[in-house]
Amino acid sequence: NCCFPPGRKVQSSKLGPTPPRFLTEEEFQLQGEVETRKALAELRSFCKSPEFSAWTTVSRIQSPKRFADFVGGASHVTPNEVSAHEREFGLESLSIDEELFEEDDDEEDEEEENISDSSGG
């Protein structure tokens, strides 16, 4: 009893761990956006700190001006990169995926009808 605060019950190991709750698509997107903004802010803050070796870093990167702009508060992605991402992962690609799944569903329905027709005779 000395290890646990009074009035608090200890979960029995017989019950096992509770299964995790999966995120919805909306929650996943929101968490991704929030965590990305937070990490980018931390990165900017670190790059402005005295411990950060700016010269060593700048000598290793391909686009020093872009890096300096980012540290100054500019976006970490260019408009062209945003467009390319939208083309590859945006709503257009989602609708293509949905069409593929819809075709598969139609084929499965036809197969089920054929099976029920052949077993009835």
C-alpha atoms as a PDB file:
ATOM      1  CA  ASN A   1       0.000   0.000   0.000  1.00  0.00           C
ATOM      2  CA  CYS A   2       2.945   2.338   0.519  1.00  0.00           C
ATOM      3  CA  CYS A   3       3.508   2.575  -3.248  1.00  0.00           C
ATOM      4  CA  PHE A   4       0.001   3.707  -4.246  1.00  0.00           C
ATOM      5  CA  PRO A   5      -1.935   6.801  -3.165  1.00  0.00           C
ATOM      6  CA  PRO A   6      -4.831   6.027  -0.808  1.00  0.00           C
ATOM      7  CA  GLY A   7      -8.196   5.490  -2.438  1.00  0.00           C
ATOM      8  CA  ARG A   8      -6.712   4.538  -5.802  1.00  0.00           C
ATOM      9  CA  LYS A   9      -7.420   1.062  -7.124  1.00  0.00           C
ATOM     10  CA  VAL A  10      -4.754  -0.836  -8.982  1.00  0.00           C
ATOM     11  CA  GLN A  11      -5.918  -2.405 -12.246  1.00  0.00           C
ATOM     12  CA  SER A  12      -5.763  -6.157 -12.121  1.00  0.00           C
ATOM     13  CA  SER A  13      -3.239  -7.707 -14.488  1.00  0.00           C
ATOM     14  CA  LYS A  14      -5.812 -10.405 -15.272  1.00  0.00           C
ATOM     15  CA  LEU A  15      -7.890  -7.920 -17.241  1.00  0.00           C
ATOM     16  CA  GLY A  16      -4.975  -7.164 -19.566  1.00  0.00           C
ATOM     17  CA  PRO A  17      -4.255  -3.856 -21.205  1.00  0.00           C
ATOM     18  CA  THR A  18      -7.171  -1.926 -22.631  1.00  0.00           C
ATOM     19  CA  PRO A  19      -7.023  -1.803 -26.438  1.00  0.00           C
ATOM     20  CA  PRO A  20      -6.117   1.603 -27.884  1.00  0.00           C
ATOM     21  CA  ARG A  21      -8.790   3.713 -29.512  1.00  0.00           C
ATOM     22  CA  PHE A  22      -8.047   4.322 -33.179  1.00  0.00           C
ATOM     23  CA  LEU A  23      -8.177   7.877 -34.510  1.00  0.00           C
ATOM     24  CA  THR A  24     -10.750   8.890 -37.079  1.00  0.00           C
ATOM     25  CA  GLU A  25      -9.448  10.254 -40.390  1.00  0.00           C
ATOM     26  CA  GLU A  26     -10.335  13.777 -39.235  1.00  0.00           C
ATOM     27  CA  GLU A  27      -8.548  13.365 -35.883  1.00  0.00           C
ATOM     28  CA  PHE A  28      -5.505  11.930 -37.668  1.00  0.00           C
ATOM     29  CA  GLN A  29      -5.312  14.903 -40.055  1.00  0.00           C
ATOM     30  CA  LEU A  30      -5.768  17.400 -37.227  1.00  0.00           C
ATOM     31  CA  GLN A  31      -3.144  15.740 -35.029  1.00  0.00           C
ATOM     32  CA  GLY A  32      -0.717  15.713 -37.959  1.00  0.00           C
ATOM     33  CA  GLU A  33      -1.198  19.429 -38.584  1.00  0.00           C
ATOM     34  CA  VAL A  34      -0.889  20.375 -34.908  1.00  0.00           C
ATOM     35  CA  GLU A  35       2.206  18.246 -34.298  1.00  0.00           C
ATOM     36  CA  THR A  36       3.885  19.455 -37.509  1.00  0.00           C
ATOM     37  CA  ARG A  37       3.352  23.120 -36.579  1.00  0.00           C
ATOM     38  CA  LYS A  38       4.677  22.427 -33.086  1.00  0.00           C
ATOM     39  CA  ALA A  39       7.791  20.630 -34.392  1.00  0.00           C
ATOM     40  CA  LEU A  40       8.510  23.368 -36.939  1.00  0.00           C
ATOM     41  CA  ALA A  41       8.260  26.020 -34.205  1.00  0.00           C
ATOM     42  CA  GLU A  42      10.672  24.021 -32.029  1.00  0.00           C
ATOM     43  CA  LEU A  43      13.082  23.681 -34.967  1.00  0.00           C
ATOM     44  CA  ARG A  44      12.980  27.429 -35.672  1.00  0.00           C
ATOM     45  CA  SER A  45      13.552  28.146 -31.991  1.00  0.00           C
ATOM     46  CA  PHE A  46      16.543  25.783 -31.851  1.00  0.00           C
ATOM     47  CA  CYS A  47      18.041  27.293 -35.025  1.00  0.00           C
ATOM     48  CA  LYS A  48      17.958  30.738 -33.376  1.00  0.00           C
ATOM     49  CA  SER A  49      19.587  29.506 -30.142  1.00  0.00           C
ATOM     50  CA  PRO A  50      23.269  30.044 -29.268  1.00  0.00           C
ATOM     51  CA  GLU A  51      23.902  26.265 -29.229  1.00  0.00           C
ATOM     52  CA  PHE A  52      23.055  26.026 -32.938  1.00  0.00           C
ATOM     53  CA  SER A  53      26.065  26.056 -35.289  1.00  0.00           C
ATOM     54  CA  ALA A  54      24.703  28.096 -38.190  1.00  0.00           C
ATOM     55  CA  TRP A  55      27.879  28.096 -40.295  1.00  0.00           C
ATOM     56  CA  THR A  56      28.300  24.327 -40.088  1.00  0.00           C
ATOM     57  CA  THR A  57      24.666  23.778 -41.022  1.00  0.00           C
ATOM     58  CA  VAL A  58      24.635  26.300 -43.879  1.00  0.00           C
ATOM     59  CA  SER A  59      27.768  24.737 -45.370  1.00  0.00           C
ATOM     60  CA  ARG A  60      25.954  21.365 -45.591  1.00  0.00           C
ATOM     61  CA  ILE A  61      22.580  22.350 -47.044  1.00  0.00           C
ATOM     62  CA  GLN A  62      21.618  22.871 -50.689  1.00  0.00           C
ATOM     63  CA  SER A  63      19.520  26.031 -50.275  1.00  0.00           C
ATOM     64  CA  PRO A  64      20.978  28.318 -47.587  1.00  0.00           C
ATOM     65  CA  LYS A  65      18.637  31.210 -48.512  1.00  0.00           C
ATOM     66  CA  ARG A  66      15.573  29.009 -48.233  1.00  0.00           C
ATOM     67  CA  PHE A  67      16.798  27.754 -44.858  1.00  0.00           C
ATOM     68  CA  ALA A  68      17.397  31.318 -43.637  1.00  0.00           C
ATOM     69  CA  ASP A  69      13.905  32.312 -44.810  1.00  0.00           C
ATOM     70  CA  PHE A  70      12.430  29.331 -42.903  1.00  0.00           C
ATOM     71  CA  VAL A  71      14.257  30.278 -39.700  1.00  0.00           C
ATOM     72  CA  GLY A  72      12.945  33.830 -40.197  1.00  0.00           C
ATOM     73  CA  GLY A  73       9.361  32.540 -40.290  1.00  0.00           C
ATOM     74  CA  ALA A  74       8.703  31.624 -43.938  1.00  0.00           C
ATOM     75  CA  SER A  75       6.895  28.420 -44.872  1.00  0.00           C
ATOM     76  CA  HIS A  76       8.895  25.206 -44.952  1.00  0.00           C
ATOM     77  CA  VAL A  77       7.354  24.273 -48.317  1.00  0.00           C
ATOM     78  CA  THR A  78       7.150  26.171 -51.605  1.00  0.00           C
ATOM     79  CA  PRO A  79       3.896  26.702 -53.523  1.00  0.00           C
ATOM     80  CA  ASN A  80       5.179  24.244 -56.180  1.00  0.00           C
ATOM     81  CA  GLU A  81       5.723  21.598 -53.508  1.00  0.00           C
ATOM     82  CA  VAL A  82       2.208  22.184 -52.163  1.00  0.00           C
ATOM     83  CA  SER A  83       0.764  21.758 -55.678  1.00  0.00           C
ATOM     84  CA  ALA A  84       2.761  18.580 -56.283  1.00  0.00           C
ATOM     85  CA  HIS A  85       1.603  17.165 -52.928  1.00  0.00           C
ATOM     86  CA  GLU A  86      -2.029  17.998 -53.689  1.00  0.00           C
ATOM     87  CA  ARG A  87      -1.755  16.283 -57.074  1.00  0.00           C
ATOM     88  CA  GLU A  88      -0.260  13.160 -55.538  1.00  0.00           C
ATOM     89  CA  PHE A  89      -2.098  12.923 -52.209  1.00  0.00           C
ATOM     90  CA  GLY A  90      -4.982  15.398 -52.433  1.00  0.00           C
ATOM     91  CA  LEU A  91      -8.664  14.982 -53.207  1.00  0.00           C
ATOM     92  CA  GLU A  92      -7.966  13.987 -56.815  1.00  0.00           C
ATOM     93  CA  SER A  93      -6.025  10.873 -55.755  1.00  0.00           C
ATOM     94  CA  LEU A  94      -8.675  10.028 -53.144  1.00  0.00           C
ATOM     95  CA  SER A  95     -11.431  10.038 -55.773  1.00  0.00           C
ATOM     96  CA  ILE A  96      -9.329   7.758 -58.017  1.00  0.00           C
ATOM     97  CA  ASP A  97      -8.877   5.323 -55.103  1.00  0.00           C
ATOM     98  CA  GLU A  98     -12.620   5.381 -54.416  1.00  0.00           C
ATOM     99  CA  GLU A  99     -13.358   4.593 -58.066  1.00  0.00           C
ATOM    100  CA  LEU A 100     -11.014   1.598 -57.913  1.00  0.00           C
ATOM    101  CA  PHE A 101     -12.743   0.284 -54.786  1.00  0.00           C
ATOM    102  CA  GLU A 102     -16.193   0.834 -56.289  1.00  0.00           C
ATOM    103  CA  GLU A 103     -15.225  -1.269 -59.332  1.00  0.00           C
ATOM    104  CA  ASP A 104     -14.019  -4.071 -57.033  1.00  0.00           C
ATOM    105  CA  ASP A 105     -17.297  -3.947 -55.080  1.00  0.00           C
ATOM    106  CA  ASP A 106     -19.326  -4.242 -58.304  1.00  0.00           C
ATOM    107  CA  GLU A 107     -17.348  -7.294 -59.418  1.00  0.00           C
ATOM    108  CA  GLU A 108     -17.892  -8.980 -56.038  1.00  0.00           C
ATOM    109  CA  ASP A 109     -21.655  -8.345 -56.273  1.00  0.00           C
ATOM    110  CA  GLU A 110     -21.757  -9.976 -59.726  1.00  0.00           C
ATOM    111  CA  GLU A 111     -19.836 -13.014 -58.459  1.00  0.00           C
ATOM    112  CA  GLU A 112     -22.265 -13.438 -55.543  1.00  0.00           C
ATOM    113  CA  GLU A 113     -25.231 -13.345 -57.957  1.00  0.00           C
ATOM    114  CA  ASN A 114     -23.627 -16.004 -60.157  1.00  0.00           C
ATOM    115  CA  ILE A 115     -23.022 -18.261 -57.160  1.00  0.00           C
ATOM    116  CA  SER A 116     -26.630 -17.967 -55.948  1.00  0.00           C
ATOM    117  CA  ASP A 117     -27.955 -18.643 -59.481  1.00  0.00           C
ATOM    118  CA  SER A 118     -25.898 -21.808 -59.936  1.00  0.00           C
ATOM    119  CA  SER A 119     -26.783 -23.243 -56.509  1.00  0.00           C
ATOM    120  CA  GLY A 120     -30.516 -22.734 -57.010  1.00  0.00           C
ATOM    121  CA  GLY A 121     -30.786 -25.067 -60.035  1.00  0.00           C
END
